[in-house]
């Protein structure tokens, strides 16, 4: 992979430094129009399963276990195509993973960015 992968909230204004903007939430963010989001892609199939999302419920005390379970899910066939699309995008451009989560540092976008950036090192 050649591009850098970062993450931020979809509610923040887009910047030219974002590169490709990819929403990685399963659900569309409240109060954001499709035009205001300035998305290049919406890869909802890379998001955590509904069961995992409900279990986690954005509880920072569960983040380590959420991270472990989500990384395990990323190896599932259901996530394979979306993960490959992210890898392909990142091979050519900087990618900003977007989430509606209030605490972006404890979100699937943070886990995904770290995992993909680490994957690049190996």
Protein backbone atom coordinates (compact mmCIF):
# COMPACT_ATOMS: atom_id res chain seq x y z
CA UNK A 1 0.00 0.00 0.00
CA UNK A 2 1.29 3.41 -0.91
CA UNK A 3 -1.27 5.70 0.70
CA UNK A 4 -1.69 6.66 4.31
CA UNK A 5 -4.89 5.61 6.06
CA UNK A 6 -6.34 7.95 8.68
CA UNK A 7 -9.75 8.27 10.33
CA UNK A 8 -12.05 11.04 11.51
CA UNK A 9 -15.69 11.90 12.09
CA UNK A 10 -17.93 12.32 9.07
CA UNK A 11 -19.32 15.48 10.71
CA UNK A 12 -15.97 17.28 10.35
CA UNK A 13 -15.56 19.43 7.26
CA UNK A 14 -13.70 17.76 4.40
CA UNK A 15 -10.21 18.98 3.59
CA UNK A 16 -8.05 18.56 0.48
CA UNK A 17 -5.69 16.41 2.62
CA UNK A 18 -8.37 13.73 3.11
CA UNK A 19 -7.65 11.91 -0.13
CA UNK A 20 -10.36 9.33 -0.74
CA UNK A 21 -13.17 9.69 1.80
CA UNK A 22 -14.73 6.36 2.78
CA UNK A 23 -17.61 5.92 5.21
CA UNK A 24 -17.09 2.67 7.16
CA UNK A 25 -20.28 2.69 9.27
CA UNK A 26 -23.04 0.17 8.55
CA UNK A 27 -25.71 2.84 9.09
CA UNK A 28 -25.93 6.22 7.38
CA UNK A 29 -25.01 9.05 9.81
CA UNK A 30 -27.89 11.11 11.15
CA UNK A 31 -28.23 14.64 9.89
CA UNK A 32 -25.73 14.32 7.03
CA UNK A 33 -26.88 14.58 3.43
CA UNK A 34 -25.11 12.52 0.81
CA UNK A 35 -23.79 15.69 -0.83
CA UNK A 36 -22.54 17.17 2.48
CA UNK A 37 -20.64 13.97 3.30
CA UNK A 38 -18.38 14.36 0.23
CA UNK A 39 -17.85 10.59 0.06
CA UNK A 40 -15.93 8.67 -2.52
CA UNK A 41 -17.20 5.33 -1.17
CA UNK A 42 -19.56 3.91 1.44
CA UNK A 43 -18.24 0.49 2.39
CA UNK A 44 -20.83 -0.65 4.92
CA UNK A 45 -19.74 -4.27 4.43
CA UNK A 46 -16.44 -3.51 6.18
CA UNK A 47 -18.29 -2.40 9.33
CA UNK A 48 -18.58 -4.65 12.39
CA UNK A 49 -21.47 -7.09 12.46
CA UNK A 50 -24.71 -5.87 14.00
CA UNK A 51 -24.22 -8.28 16.92
CA UNK A 52 -20.73 -6.97 17.63
CA UNK A 53 -21.83 -3.35 17.28
CA UNK A 54 -24.70 -3.89 19.73
CA UNK A 55 -22.47 -5.75 22.19
CA UNK A 56 -19.81 -3.01 22.11
CA UNK A 57 -22.27 -0.10 22.31
CA UNK A 58 -19.26 2.28 22.17
CA UNK A 59 -18.23 1.44 25.74
CA UNK A 60 -14.52 2.40 25.98
CA UNK A 61 -14.03 -0.28 28.66
CA UNK A 62 -14.95 -2.91 26.05
CA UNK A 63 -12.73 -1.42 23.33
CA UNK A 64 -9.83 -3.90 23.62
CA UNK A 65 -12.21 -6.85 23.29
CA UNK A 66 -14.17 -5.08 20.53
CA UNK A 67 -10.91 -4.52 18.66
CA UNK A 68 -9.97 -8.20 18.97
CA UNK A 69 -13.40 -9.41 17.81
CA UNK A 70 -13.60 -6.91 14.97
CA UNK A 71 -10.18 -7.84 13.61
CA UNK A 72 -11.29 -11.48 13.69
CA UNK A 73 -14.43 -10.51 11.73
CA UNK A 74 -12.36 -8.71 9.10
CA UNK A 75 -11.03 -12.13 8.06
CA UNK A 76 -14.57 -13.40 7.37
CA UNK A 77 -15.76 -13.88 3.78
CA UNK A 78 -18.50 -11.25 4.38
CA UNK A 79 -15.81 -8.58 4.83
CA UNK A 80 -13.36 -9.81 2.18
CA UNK A 81 -14.52 -7.73 -0.79
CA UNK A 82 -14.85 -4.47 1.20
CA UNK A 83 -11.42 -4.96 2.81
CA UNK A 84 -9.91 -5.54 -0.63
CA UNK A 85 -11.57 -2.38 -1.96
CA UNK A 86 -9.97 -0.40 0.89
CA UNK A 87 -6.58 -1.94 0.17
CA UNK A 88 -6.94 -1.08 -3.52
CA UNK A 89 -7.88 2.53 -2.73
CA UNK A 90 -4.98 2.87 -0.29
CA UNK A 91 -2.55 1.46 -2.84
CA UNK A 92 -2.99 4.59 -4.94
CA UNK A 93 -4.13 7.35 -2.61
CA UNK A 94 -4.41 8.61 0.93
CA UNK A 95 -7.64 7.29 2.47
CA UNK A 96 -9.70 8.85 5.25
CA UNK A 97 -12.04 6.42 6.99
CA UNK A 98 -15.14 8.19 8.23
CA UNK A 99 -17.42 7.34 11.12
CA UNK A 100 -20.36 9.03 12.82
CA UNK A 101 -19.21 7.78 16.22
CA UNK A 102 -18.68 10.56 18.77
CA UNK A 103 -15.47 8.96 20.04
CA UNK A 104 -13.59 8.24 16.82
CA UNK A 105 -10.55 6.94 18.75
CA UNK A 106 -12.70 4.07 20.07
CA UNK A 107 -14.44 3.23 16.79
CA UNK A 108 -14.24 0.67 14.02
CA UNK A 109 -12.61 3.37 11.87
CA UNK A 110 -9.69 3.61 14.33
CA UNK A 111 -9.31 -0.18 14.48
CA UNK A 112 -9.53 -0.49 10.71
CA UNK A 113 -6.99 2.28 10.06
CA UNK A 114 -4.50 0.75 12.49
CA UNK A 115 -5.05 -2.76 11.11
CA UNK A 116 -4.63 -1.69 7.49
CA UNK A 117 -1.58 0.47 8.26
CA UNK A 118 -0.02 -2.42 10.23
CA UNK A 119 -0.88 -4.79 7.38
CA UNK A 120 1.14 -2.52 5.09
CA UNK A 121 4.22 -3.03 7.28
CA UNK A 122 4.11 -6.84 6.92
